[in-house]
C-alpha atoms as a PDB file:
ATOM      1  CA  UNK A   1     -24.886  28.573   7.556  1.00  0.00           C
ATOM      2  CA  UNK A   2     -25.581  26.322   4.585  1.00  0.00           C
ATOM      3  CA  UNK A   3     -23.179  23.402   4.156  1.00  0.00           C
ATOM      4  CA  UNK A   4     -21.954  22.566   0.651  1.00  0.00           C
ATOM      5  CA  UNK A   5     -21.209  18.900   0.058  1.00  0.00           C
ATOM      6  CA  UNK A   6     -18.528  18.033  -2.469  1.00  0.00           C
ATOM      7  CA  UNK A   7     -17.792  14.721  -4.134  1.00  0.00           C
ATOM      8  CA  UNK A   8     -15.177  12.186  -3.133  1.00  0.00           C
ATOM      9  CA  UNK A   9     -13.417  10.304  -5.925  1.00  0.00           C
ATOM     10  CA  UNK A  10     -12.525   6.657  -5.401  1.00  0.00           C
ATOM     11  CA  UNK A  11      -9.798   5.476  -7.779  1.00  0.00           C
ATOM     12  CA  UNK A  12      -9.778   1.713  -8.274  1.00  0.00           C
ATOM     13  CA  UNK A  13     -12.007  -1.109  -9.431  1.00  0.00           C
ATOM     14  CA  UNK A  14     -15.757  -1.270  -8.856  1.00  0.00           C
ATOM     15  CA  UNK A  15     -15.145  -4.969  -8.168  1.00  0.00           C
ATOM     16  CA  UNK A  16     -12.864  -4.165  -5.218  1.00  0.00           C
ATOM     17  CA  UNK A  17     -14.716  -4.683  -1.922  1.00  0.00           C
ATOM     18  CA  UNK A  18     -12.844  -1.772  -0.333  1.00  0.00           C
ATOM     19  CA  UNK A  19     -14.061   0.603  -3.044  1.00  0.00           C
ATOM     20  CA  UNK A  20     -17.577  -0.797  -2.676  1.00  0.00           C
ATOM     21  CA  UNK A  21     -17.646  -0.439   1.107  1.00  0.00           C
ATOM     22  CA  UNK A  22     -16.200   3.077   1.183  1.00  0.00           C
ATOM     23  CA  UNK A  23     -18.700   4.161  -1.505  1.00  0.00           C
ATOM     24  CA  UNK A  24     -21.564   2.653   0.495  1.00  0.00           C
ATOM     25  CA  UNK A  25     -20.491   4.319   3.727  1.00  0.00           C
ATOM     26  CA  UNK A  26     -20.016   7.672   2.016  1.00  0.00           C
ATOM     27  CA  UNK A  27     -23.596   7.389   0.797  1.00  0.00           C
ATOM     28  CA  UNK A  28     -24.741   6.847   4.374  1.00  0.00           C
ATOM     29  CA  UNK A  29     -22.805   9.995   5.299  1.00  0.00           C
ATOM     30  CA  UNK A  30     -24.695  11.881   2.589  1.00  0.00           C
ATOM     31  CA  UNK A  31     -21.604  12.279   0.418  1.00  0.00           C
ATOM     32  CA  UNK A  32     -21.537  11.351  -3.259  1.00  0.00           C
ATOM     33  CA  UNK A  33     -18.761   8.998  -4.318  1.00  0.00           C
ATOM     34  CA  UNK A  34     -17.524   9.004  -7.914  1.00  0.00           C
ATOM     35  CA  UNK A  35     -15.661   5.820  -8.851  1.00  0.00           C
ATOM     36  CA  UNK A  36     -12.948   6.061 -11.492  1.00  0.00           C
ATOM     37  CA  UNK A  37     -12.778   2.418 -12.512  1.00  0.00           C
ATOM     38  CA  UNK A  38      -9.120   1.988 -13.397  1.00  0.00           C
ATOM     39  CA  UNK A  39      -9.436  -1.762 -13.931  1.00  0.00           C
ATOM     40  CA  UNK A  40     -12.017  -1.091 -16.669  1.00  0.00           C
ATOM     41  CA  UNK A  41      -9.872   1.642 -18.270  1.00  0.00           C
ATOM     42  CA  UNK A  42      -9.427   1.996 -21.216  1.00  0.00           C
ATOM     43  CA  UNK A  43     -11.771  -0.807 -22.358  1.00  0.00           C
ATOM     44  CA  UNK A  44     -14.875   0.659 -20.714  1.00  0.00           C
ATOM     45  CA  UNK A  45     -14.061   3.690 -18.573  1.00  0.00           C
ATOM     46  CA  UNK A  46     -13.922   6.841 -20.717  1.00  0.00           C
ATOM     47  CA  UNK A  47     -11.554   9.599 -19.665  1.00  0.00           C
ATOM     48  CA  UNK A  48     -10.381  12.911 -21.086  1.00  0.00           C
ATOM     49  CA  UNK A  49      -7.845  15.407 -19.740  1.00  0.00           C
ATOM     50  CA  UNK A  50      -7.244  18.833 -21.251  1.00  0.00           C
ATOM     51  CA  UNK A  51      -4.405  21.270 -20.608  1.00  0.00           C
ATOM     52  CA  UNK A  52      -6.634  23.145 -18.159  1.00  0.00           C
ATOM     53  CA  UNK A  53      -5.848  22.114 -14.577  1.00  0.00           C
ATOM     54  CA  UNK A  54      -9.479  21.318 -13.847  1.00  0.00           C
ATOM     55  CA  UNK A  55     -10.247  19.866 -17.285  1.00  0.00           C
ATOM     56  CA  UNK A  56     -10.910  16.274 -16.185  1.00  0.00           C
ATOM     57  CA  UNK A  57     -13.865  14.332 -17.639  1.00  0.00           C
ATOM     58  CA  UNK A  58     -14.626  10.761 -16.548  1.00  0.00           C
ATOM     59  CA  UNK A  59     -17.488   8.839 -18.169  1.00  0.00           C
ATOM     60  CA  UNK A  60     -18.976  12.096 -19.443  1.00  0.00           C
ATOM     61  CA  UNK A  61     -18.842  13.820 -16.061  1.00  0.00           C
ATOM     62  CA  UNK A  62     -16.602  16.684 -14.990  1.00  0.00           C
ATOM     63  CA  UNK A  63     -14.650  15.800 -11.861  1.00  0.00           C
ATOM     64  CA  UNK A  64     -12.175  18.624 -12.063  1.00  0.00           C
ATOM     65  CA  UNK A  65     -11.661  19.300  -8.356  1.00  0.00           C
ATOM     66  CA  UNK A  66     -13.126  16.726  -5.957  1.00  0.00           C
ATOM     67  CA  UNK A  67     -13.184  17.272  -2.200  1.00  0.00           C
ATOM     68  CA  UNK A  68     -10.862  14.311  -1.623  1.00  0.00           C
ATOM     69  CA  UNK A  69      -9.448  11.297  -3.455  1.00  0.00           C
ATOM     70  CA  UNK A  70      -8.973   7.720  -2.244  1.00  0.00           C
ATOM     71  CA  UNK A  71      -6.354   6.068  -4.432  1.00  0.00           C
ATOM     72  CA  UNK A  72      -6.945   2.353  -3.998  1.00  0.00           C
ATOM     73  CA  UNK A  73      -5.247   1.102  -7.167  1.00  0.00           C
ATOM     74  CA  UNK A  74      -4.357   2.066 -10.734  1.00  0.00           C
ATOM     75  CA  UNK A  75      -4.021  -1.437 -12.267  1.00  0.00           C
ATOM     76  CA  UNK A  76      -1.273  -0.241 -14.591  1.00  0.00           C
ATOM     77  CA  UNK A  77       0.735  -3.451 -14.914  1.00  0.00           C
ATOM     78  CA  UNK A  78      -0.044  -6.926 -16.287  1.00  0.00           C
ATOM     79  CA  UNK A  79       1.146  -8.182 -12.875  1.00  0.00           C
ATOM     80  CA  UNK A  80      -1.135  -5.898 -10.838  1.00  0.00           C
ATOM     81  CA  UNK A  81      -3.732  -7.322  -8.476  1.00  0.00           C
ATOM     82  CA  UNK A  82      -7.017  -8.180 -10.266  1.00  0.00           C
ATOM     83  CA  UNK A  83      -5.497  -7.631 -13.738  1.00  0.00           C
ATOM     84  CA  UNK A  84      -5.867 -10.542 -16.174  1.00  0.00           C
ATOM     85  CA  UNK A  85      -3.680  -9.851 -19.195  1.00  0.00           C
ATOM     86  CA  UNK A  86      -2.385 -13.355 -19.882  1.00  0.00           C
ATOM     87  CA  UNK A  87      -4.192 -13.812 -23.201  1.00  0.00           C
ATOM     88  CA  UNK A  88      -3.123 -10.386 -24.473  1.00  0.00           C
ATOM     89  CA  UNK A  89       0.469 -10.974 -23.364  1.00  0.00           C
ATOM     90  CA  UNK A  90       0.560 -14.373 -25.069  1.00  0.00           C
ATOM     91  CA  UNK A  91      -0.809 -12.874 -28.287  1.00  0.00           C
ATOM     92  CA  UNK A  92       1.442  -9.797 -28.457  1.00  0.00           C
ATOM     93  CA  UNK A  93       3.459  -8.971 -25.335  1.00  0.00           C
ATOM     94  CA  UNK A  94       5.174  -5.910 -26.823  1.00  0.00           C
ATOM     95  CA  UNK A  95       1.937  -4.175 -27.841  1.00  0.00           C
ATOM     96  CA  UNK A  96       0.326  -5.132 -24.537  1.00  0.00           C
ATOM     97  CA  UNK A  97       3.184  -3.650 -22.488  1.00  0.00           C
ATOM     98  CA  UNK A  98       3.085  -0.513 -24.631  1.00  0.00           C
ATOM     99  CA  UNK A  99      -0.651  -0.169 -23.969  1.00  0.00           C
ATOM    100  CA  UNK A 100      -0.106  -0.575 -20.227  1.00  0.00           C
ATOM    101  CA  UNK A 101       2.598   2.103 -20.375  1.00  0.00           C
ATOM    102  CA  UNK A 102       0.180   4.519 -22.035  1.00  0.00           C
ATOM    103  CA  UNK A 103      -2.514   3.665 -19.488  1.00  0.00           C
ATOM    104  CA  UNK A 104      -0.090   4.214 -16.621  1.00  0.00           C
ATOM    105  CA  UNK A 105       1.005   7.587 -17.980  1.00  0.00           C
ATOM    106  CA  UNK A 106      -2.541   8.921 -18.243  1.00  0.00           C
ATOM    107  CA  UNK A 107      -3.747   7.568 -14.885  1.00  0.00           C
ATOM    108  CA  UNK A 108      -0.677   8.828 -13.056  1.00  0.00           C
ATOM    109  CA  UNK A 109      -1.210  12.157 -14.786  1.00  0.00           C
ATOM    110  CA  UNK A 110      -4.815  12.180 -13.580  1.00  0.00           C
ATOM    111  CA  UNK A 111      -4.055  11.641  -9.896  1.00  0.00           C
ATOM    112  CA  UNK A 112      -0.988  13.896 -10.030  1.00  0.00           C
ATOM    113  CA  UNK A 113      -3.221  16.630 -11.494  1.00  0.00           C
ATOM    114  CA  UNK A 114      -5.466  16.401  -8.438  1.00  0.00           C
ATOM    115  CA  UNK A 115      -2.460  16.551  -6.155  1.00  0.00           C
ATOM    116  CA  UNK A 116      -1.265  19.624  -8.045  1.00  0.00           C
ATOM    117  CA  UNK A 117      -4.670  21.221  -7.455  1.00  0.00           C
ATOM    118  CA  UNK A 118      -4.247  20.696  -3.712  1.00  0.00           C
ATOM    119  CA  UNK A 119      -6.911  18.006  -3.394  1.00  0.00           C
ATOM    120  CA  UNK A 120      -6.409  15.861  -0.239  1.00  0.00           C
ATOM    121  CA  UNK A 121      -5.052  12.535  -1.503  1.00  0.00           C
ATOM    122  CA  UNK A 122      -5.180   9.205   0.318  1.00  0.00           C
ATOM    123  CA  UNK A 123      -2.376   8.702  -0.744  1.00  0.00           C
ATOM    124  CA  UNK A 124      -0.602  11.119  -3.110  1.00  0.00           C
ATOM    125  CA  UNK A 125       1.377   9.846  -6.080  1.00  0.00           C
ATOM    126  CA  UNK A 126       4.289  11.965  -4.885  1.00  0.00           C
ATOM    127  CA  UNK A 127       4.815   9.337  -2.172  1.00  0.00           C
ATOM    128  CA  UNK A 128       5.071   6.462  -4.673  1.00  0.00           C
ATOM    129  CA  UNK A 129       8.849   6.559  -4.839  1.00  0.00           C
ATOM    130  CA  UNK A 130       9.172   5.815  -1.118  1.00  0.00           C
ATOM    131  CA  UNK A 131       6.884   2.796  -1.418  1.00  0.00           C
ATOM    132  CA  UNK A 132       9.882   1.129  -3.043  1.00  0.00           C
ATOM    133  CA  UNK A 133      11.116  -1.091  -0.186  1.00  0.00           C
ATOM    134  CA  UNK A 134      14.853  -0.292  -0.410  1.00  0.00           C
ATOM    135  CA  UNK A 135      14.034   3.422  -0.334  1.00  0.00           C
ATOM    136  CA  UNK A 136      11.367   3.087   2.356  1.00  0.00           C
ATOM    137  CA  UNK A 137      13.442   1.269   4.951  1.00  0.00           C
ATOM    138  CA  UNK A 138      16.451   3.500   4.293  1.00  0.00           C
ATOM    139  CA  UNK A 139      14.299   6.615   4.793  1.00  0.00           C
ATOM    140  CA  UNK A 140      12.881   5.247   8.049  1.00  0.00           C
ATOM    141  CA  UNK A 141      16.321   4.344   9.370  1.00  0.00           C
ATOM    142  CA  UNK A 142      17.701   7.762   8.410  1.00  0.00           C
ATOM    143  CA  UNK A 143      14.881   9.281  10.487  1.00  0.00           C
ATOM    144  CA  UNK A 144      15.984   7.266  13.509  1.00  0.00           C
ATOM    145  CA  UNK A 145      13.185   4.693  13.371  1.00  0.00           C
ATOM    146  CA  UNK A 146      13.894   1.006  14.110  1.00  0.00           C
ATOM    147  CA  UNK A 147      14.104  -1.253  11.048  1.00  0.00           C
ATOM    148  CA  UNK A 148      15.566  -4.751  10.611  1.00  0.00           C
ATOM    149  CA  UNK A 149      19.026  -5.298   9.153  1.00  0.00           C
ATOM    150  CA  UNK A 150      18.310  -5.830   5.440  1.00  0.00           C
ATOM    151  CA  UNK A 151      20.162  -6.651   2.230  1.00  0.00           C
ATOM    152  CA  UNK A 152      18.793  -6.491  -1.320  1.00  0.00           C
ATOM    153  CA  UNK A 153      21.129  -8.269  -3.702  1.00  0.00           C
ATOM    154  CA  UNK A 154      21.829 -10.704  -6.527  1.00  0.00           C
ATOM    155  CA  UNK A 155      25.380 -11.328  -5.245  1.00  0.00           C
ATOM    156  CA  UNK A 156      25.808 -14.819  -3.780  1.00  0.00           C
ATOM    157  CA  UNK A 157      28.876 -13.911  -1.720  1.00  0.00           C
ATOM    158  CA  UNK A 158      27.087 -10.903  -0.243  1.00  0.00           C
ATOM    159  CA  UNK A 159      24.299 -13.256   0.869  1.00  0.00           C
ATOM    160  CA  UNK A 160      26.763 -15.593   2.558  1.00  0.00           C
ATOM    161  CA  UNK A 161      28.405 -12.721   4.409  1.00  0.00           C
ATOM    162  CA  UNK A 162      25.027 -11.369   5.490  1.00  0.00           C
ATOM    163  CA  UNK A 163      23.827 -14.783   6.668  1.00  0.00           C
ATOM    164  CA  UNK A 164      26.871 -15.164   8.909  1.00  0.00           C
ATOM    165  CA  UNK A 165      25.371 -12.543  11.229  1.00  0.00           C
ATOM    166  CA  UNK A 166      22.531 -14.734  12.541  1.00  0.00           C
ATOM    167  CA  UNK A 167      19.132 -16.072  11.491  1.00  0.00           C
ATOM    168  CA  UNK A 168      17.944 -14.594   8.192  1.00  0.00           C
ATOM    169  CA  UNK A 169      14.623 -14.500   6.329  1.00  0.00           C
ATOM    170  CA  UNK A 170      14.249 -14.005   2.584  1.00  0.00           C
ATOM    171  CA  UNK A 171      11.440 -12.753   0.360  1.00  0.00           C
ATOM    172  CA  UNK A 172      10.872 -10.998  -2.990  1.00  0.00           C
ATOM    173  CA  UNK A 173      11.972  -7.382  -3.354  1.00  0.00           C
ATOM    174  CA  UNK A 174       8.453  -6.255  -4.291  1.00  0.00           C
ATOM    175  CA  UNK A 175       6.308  -8.936  -2.679  1.00  0.00           C
ATOM    176  CA  UNK A 176       3.873 -11.594  -3.769  1.00  0.00           C
ATOM    177  CA  UNK A 177       5.448 -14.645  -2.121  1.00  0.00           C
ATOM    178  CA  UNK A 178       5.696 -15.835   1.459  1.00  0.00           C
ATOM    179  CA  UNK A 179       8.674 -14.996   3.659  1.00  0.00           C
ATOM    180  CA  UNK A 180      10.908 -18.003   4.394  1.00  0.00           C
ATOM    181  CA  UNK A 181      13.859 -18.654   6.666  1.00  0.00           C
ATOM    182  CA  UNK A 182      17.250 -18.953   4.953  1.00  0.00           C
ATOM    183  CA  UNK A 183      18.626 -22.420   5.688  1.00  0.00           C
ATOM    184  CA  UNK A 184      22.123 -23.870   5.173  1.00  0.00           C
ATOM    185  CA  UNK A 185      20.973 -25.694   2.035  1.00  0.00           C
ATOM    186  CA  UNK A 186      19.958 -22.314   0.559  1.00  0.00           C
ATOM    187  CA  UNK A 187      23.589 -21.190   0.620  1.00  0.00           C
ATOM    188  CA  UNK A 188      24.879 -23.701  -1.915  1.00  0.00           C
ATOM    189  CA  UNK A 189      26.230 -22.519  -5.258  1.00  0.00           C
ATOM    190  CA  UNK A 190      23.362 -24.224  -7.055  1.00  0.00           C
ATOM    191  CA  UNK A 191      20.676 -22.603  -4.918  1.00  0.00           C
ATOM    192  CA  UNK A 192      22.220 -19.133  -4.976  1.00  0.00           C
ATOM    193  CA  UNK A 193      22.622 -19.277  -8.755  1.00  0.00           C
ATOM    194  CA  UNK A 194      18.916 -18.386  -8.899  1.00  0.00           C
ATOM    195  CA  UNK A 195      19.976 -14.838  -8.010  1.00  0.00           C
ATOM    196  CA  UNK A 196      21.079 -14.404 -11.610  1.00  0.00           C
ATOM    197  CA  UNK A 197      17.385 -14.320 -12.540  1.00  0.00           C
ATOM    198  CA  UNK A 198      16.258 -11.703 -10.006  1.00  0.00           C
ATOM    199  CA  UNK A 199      17.493  -9.976  -6.836  1.00  0.00           C
ATOM    200  CA  UNK A 200      16.060 -11.028  -3.481  1.00  0.00           C
ATOM    201  CA  UNK A 201      15.469  -9.387  -0.099  1.00  0.00           C
ATOM    202  CA  UNK A 202      17.443 -10.901   2.782  1.00  0.00           C
ATOM    203  CA  UNK A 203      16.514  -9.653   6.228  1.00  0.00           C
ATOM    204  CA  UNK A 204      17.317 -10.207   9.872  1.00  0.00           C
ATOM    205  CA  UNK A 205      14.777 -12.759  11.044  1.00  0.00           C
ATOM    206  CA  UNK A 206      12.471 -11.238  13.656  1.00  0.00           C
ATOM    207  CA  UNK A 207      11.057 -14.044  15.827  1.00  0.00           C
ATOM    208  CA  UNK A 208       8.584 -12.032  17.896  1.00  0.00           C
ATOM    209  CA  UNK A 209       4.959 -10.924  17.619  1.00  0.00           C
ATOM    210  CA  UNK A 210       3.356  -9.326  14.552  1.00  0.00           C
ATOM    211  CA  UNK A 211       1.590  -5.975  14.968  1.00  0.00           C
ATOM    212  CA  UNK A 212      -0.558  -4.196  12.352  1.00  0.00           C
ATOM    213  CA  UNK A 213      -1.164  -0.471  12.929  1.00  0.00           C
ATOM    214  CA  UNK A 214      -3.394   1.932  10.991  1.00  0.00           C
ATOM    215  CA  UNK A 215      -2.560   5.631  10.935  1.00  0.00           C
ATOM    216  CA  UNK A 216      -4.921   8.230   9.474  1.00  0.00           C
ATOM    217  CA  UNK A 217      -4.247  11.974   9.245  1.00  0.00           C
ATOM    218  CA  UNK A 218      -1.556  11.858  11.905  1.00  0.00           C
ATOM    219  CA  UNK A 219      -3.419   9.657  14.388  1.00  0.00           C
ATOM    220  CA  UNK A 220      -3.299   5.964  15.222  1.00  0.00           C
ATOM    221  CA  UNK A 221      -6.851   4.697  14.667  1.00  0.00           C
ATOM    222  CA  UNK A 222      -6.289   0.965  15.241  1.00  0.00           C
ATOM    223  CA  UNK A 223      -3.613  -1.481  16.362  1.00  0.00           C
ATOM    224  CA  UNK A 224      -3.894  -5.250  16.344  1.00  0.00           C
ATOM    225  CA  UNK A 225      -1.730  -8.163  17.415  1.00  0.00           C
ATOM    226  CA  UNK A 226      -1.746 -10.901  14.791  1.00  0.00           C
ATOM    227  CA  UNK A 227      -1.472 -14.239  16.544  1.00  0.00           C
ATOM    228  CA  UNK A 228       0.181 -16.830  14.299  1.00  0.00           C
ATOM    229  CA  UNK A 229       2.644 -19.681  14.550  1.00  0.00           C
ATOM    230  CA  UNK A 230       3.962 -18.999  11.030  1.00  0.00           C
ATOM    231  CA  UNK A 231       6.940 -16.853  10.095  1.00  0.00           C
ATOM    232  CA  UNK A 232       4.728 -14.979   7.596  1.00  0.00           C
ATOM    233  CA  UNK A 233       1.286 -14.232   9.061  1.00  0.00           C
ATOM    234  CA  UNK A 234      -0.393 -13.712   5.682  1.00  0.00           C
ATOM    235  CA  UNK A 235      -3.015 -16.459   5.180  1.00  0.00           C
ATOM    236  CA  UNK A 236      -1.863 -17.895   8.514  1.00  0.00           C
ATOM    237  CA  UNK A 237      -3.681 -15.674  11.010  1.00  0.00           C
ATOM    238  CA  UNK A 238      -5.003 -17.609  14.001  1.00  0.00           C
ATOM    239  CA  UNK A 239      -6.708 -14.611  15.597  1.00  0.00           C
ATOM    240  CA  UNK A 240      -6.551 -10.816  15.764  1.00  0.00           C
ATOM    241  CA  UNK A 241      -6.377  -8.978  19.085  1.00  0.00           C
ATOM    242  CA  UNK A 242      -6.955  -5.210  19.333  1.00  0.00           C
ATOM    243  CA  UNK A 243      -4.232  -3.641  21.488  1.00  0.00           C
ATOM    244  CA  UNK A 244      -3.187  -0.236  22.747  1.00  0.00           C
ATOM    245  CA  UNK A 245       0.280   0.749  21.623  1.00  0.00           C
ATOM    246  CA  UNK A 246       2.840   2.167  24.049  1.00  0.00           C
ATOM    247  CA  UNK A 247       3.003   5.959  23.504  1.00  0.00           C
ATOM    248  CA  UNK A 248       6.516   5.847  22.064  1.00  0.00           C
ATOM    249  CA  UNK A 249       5.570   3.181  19.495  1.00  0.00           C
ATOM    250  CA  UNK A 250       2.436   5.101  18.493  1.00  0.00           C
ATOM    251  CA  UNK A 251       4.513   8.246  18.097  1.00  0.00           C
ATOM    252  CA  UNK A 252       7.002   6.362  15.904  1.00  0.00           C
ATOM    253  CA  UNK A 253       4.167   5.097  13.689  1.00  0.00           C
ATOM    254  CA  UNK A 254       2.891   8.631  13.130  1.00  0.00           C
ATOM    255  CA  UNK A 255       6.455   9.818  12.473  1.00  0.00           C
ATOM    256  CA  UNK A 256       6.942   7.058   9.892  1.00  0.00           C
ATOM    257  CA  UNK A 257       3.912   8.334   7.961  1.00  0.00           C
ATOM    258  CA  UNK A 258       5.302  11.860   8.062  1.00  0.00           C
ATOM    259  CA  UNK A 259       8.700  10.693   6.814  1.00  0.00           C
ATOM    260  CA  UNK A 260       7.118   8.919   3.822  1.00  0.00           C
ATOM    261  CA  UNK A 261       4.490  11.574   3.071  1.00  0.00           C
ATOM    262  CA  UNK A 262       1.462   9.358   3.724  1.00  0.00           C
ATOM    263  CA  UNK A 263      -1.927  10.601   4.918  1.00  0.00           C
ATOM    264  CA  UNK A 264      -2.975   7.071   5.683  1.00  0.00           C
ATOM    265  CA  UNK A 265      -1.410   3.631   5.945  1.00  0.00           C
ATOM    266  CA  UNK A 266      -1.498   0.152   7.364  1.00  0.00           C
ATOM    267  CA  UNK A 267       1.954  -0.599   8.688  1.00  0.00           C
ATOM    268  CA  UNK A 268       3.547  -3.823   9.857  1.00  0.00           C
ATOM    269  CA  UNK A 269       5.790  -4.093  12.913  1.00  0.00           C
ATOM    270  CA  UNK A 270       7.502  -7.216  14.201  1.00  0.00           C
ATOM    271  CA  UNK A 271       9.368  -7.750  17.447  1.00  0.00           C
ATOM    272  CA  UNK A 272      13.034  -8.613  17.155  1.00  0.00           C
ATOM    273  CA  UNK A 273      15.241 -10.885  19.237  1.00  0.00           C
ATOM    274  CA  UNK A 274      16.101  -7.859  21.389  1.00  0.00           C
ATOM    275  CA  UNK A 275      12.413  -7.216  22.128  1.00  0.00           C
ATOM    276  CA  UNK A 276      12.197  -4.042  20.028  1.00  0.00           C
ATOM    277  CA  UNK A 277       9.333  -3.575  17.567  1.00  0.00           C
ATOM    278  CA  UNK A 278      10.789  -2.864  14.132  1.00  0.00           C
ATOM    279  CA  UNK A 279       9.150  -1.485  11.000  1.00  0.00           C
ATOM    280  CA  UNK A 280       8.758  -3.992   8.172  1.00  0.00           C
ATOM    281  CA  UNK A 281       6.559  -2.024   5.776  1.00  0.00           C
ATOM    282  CA  UNK A 282       4.152   0.869   5.339  1.00  0.00           C
ATOM    283  CA  UNK A 283       1.503   0.180   2.725  1.00  0.00           C
ATOM    284  CA  UNK A 284       0.279   3.018   0.524  1.00  0.00           C
ATOM    285  CA  UNK A 285      -3.096   1.341  -0.082  1.00  0.00           C
ATOM    286  CA  UNK A 286      -3.688  -0.956   2.843  1.00  0.00           C
ATOM    287  CA  UNK A 287      -6.515  -3.486   3.010  1.00  0.00           C
ATOM    288  CA  UNK A 288      -8.591  -3.101   6.155  1.00  0.00           C
ATOM    289  CA  UNK A 289     -11.949  -4.875   5.902  1.00  0.00           C
ATOM    290  CA  UNK A 290     -10.526  -8.227   6.960  1.00  0.00           C
ATOM    291  CA  UNK A 291      -8.924  -6.666  10.026  1.00  0.00           C
ATOM    292  CA  UNK A 292     -12.203  -4.970  10.949  1.00  0.00           C
ATOM    293  CA  UNK A 293     -14.046  -8.272  10.617  1.00  0.00           C
ATOM    294  CA  UNK A 294     -11.489 -10.303  12.531  1.00  0.00           C
ATOM    295  CA  UNK A 295     -10.452  -7.786  15.150  1.00  0.00           C
ATOM    296  CA  UNK A 296     -13.646  -5.858  15.817  1.00  0.00           C
ATOM    297  CA  UNK A 297     -12.089  -2.532  14.819  1.00  0.00           C
ATOM    298  CA  UNK A 298     -13.749   0.248  12.811  1.00  0.00           C
ATOM    299  CA  UNK A 299     -11.003   1.272  10.417  1.00  0.00           C
ATOM    300  CA  UNK A 300     -13.525   1.589   7.572  1.00  0.00           C
ATOM    301  CA  UNK A 301     -15.628   3.976   9.642  1.00  0.00           C
ATOM    302  CA  UNK A 302     -12.681   6.171  10.602  1.00  0.00           C
ATOM    303  CA  UNK A 303     -11.462   6.270   7.011  1.00  0.00           C
ATOM    304  CA  UNK A 304     -14.851   7.062   5.493  1.00  0.00           C
ATOM    305  CA  UNK A 305     -15.570   9.810   8.018  1.00  0.00           C
ATOM    306  CA  UNK A 306     -12.200  11.396   7.207  1.00  0.00           C
ATOM    307  CA  UNK A 307     -13.087  11.471   3.499  1.00  0.00           C
ATOM    308  CA  UNK A 308     -16.582  12.769   4.245  1.00  0.00           C
ATOM    309  CA  UNK A 309     -15.203  15.566   6.410  1.00  0.00           C
ATOM    310  CA  UNK A 310     -13.408  17.023   3.388  1.00  0.00           C
ATOM    311  CA  UNK A 311     -16.665  16.913   1.401  1.00  0.00           C
ATOM    312  CA  UNK A 312     -18.767  18.598   4.092  1.00  0.00           C
ATOM    313  CA  UNK A 313     -17.246  22.021   4.046  1.00  0.00           C
ATOM    314  CA  UNK A 314     -19.038  25.129   5.291  1.00  0.00           C
END
């Protein structure tokens, strides 16, 4: 029987090494990858959507119903990774924010259109709301999965009450800065007055090992121990060690993906004082090339073959 090969759409920047590597590997698999360069949109990337469900034109090419979509990044905020909007913001911040809003509306409409068509999405925009950390951890806990005791607040007295329960770490609500331990000097009126500028995440400090797990289409494809002496392993990795998860932990990782509606994720676990591994975060667009390089895993291969499988339909 003749096999028809469809296209796989990669949504992100052509400058992103993950987009580049997945595109290259898809080519080796004999599958065509179409990159929708969202970093270059709207300056360079041309896009048109009509009211027809499959009326999607990108750079003069119809990509109405691809075989699968890898959503790496939309670059819809001046603060987004790889976006450089400082000059435009300095010149006219209101117009710049309005332009980003229009960009976000169209790009979210694009990927939501594909989800509406039933295209396999890695990951769907319908899961975006649970990527919000306060929602994500609450959803995991409600499903019976272990998460650290956490408080998101701008209330100084609430922080003091929370800190009375033991060692506490703090970090931004969204991310972008290293996790630090809350010390007695952080509980002064002067220090806590900074909460009037922005809320902060306060969390039970987990002193044990860091574990990164990758789940793809309901299966654990890689697990690594991140050896570090730092509280926050990011930029402080000493070495990566591939490990085999206990069956119950692996099952919980798959369940976490199901709870949040993710086809694929890199998730972070950390061992608490009681020895239990607790969920810190599931990432909707996890980086993986560095873990492959440092840990000897083949996450990129697993991921690319999953995308290619959708394209190679009989």
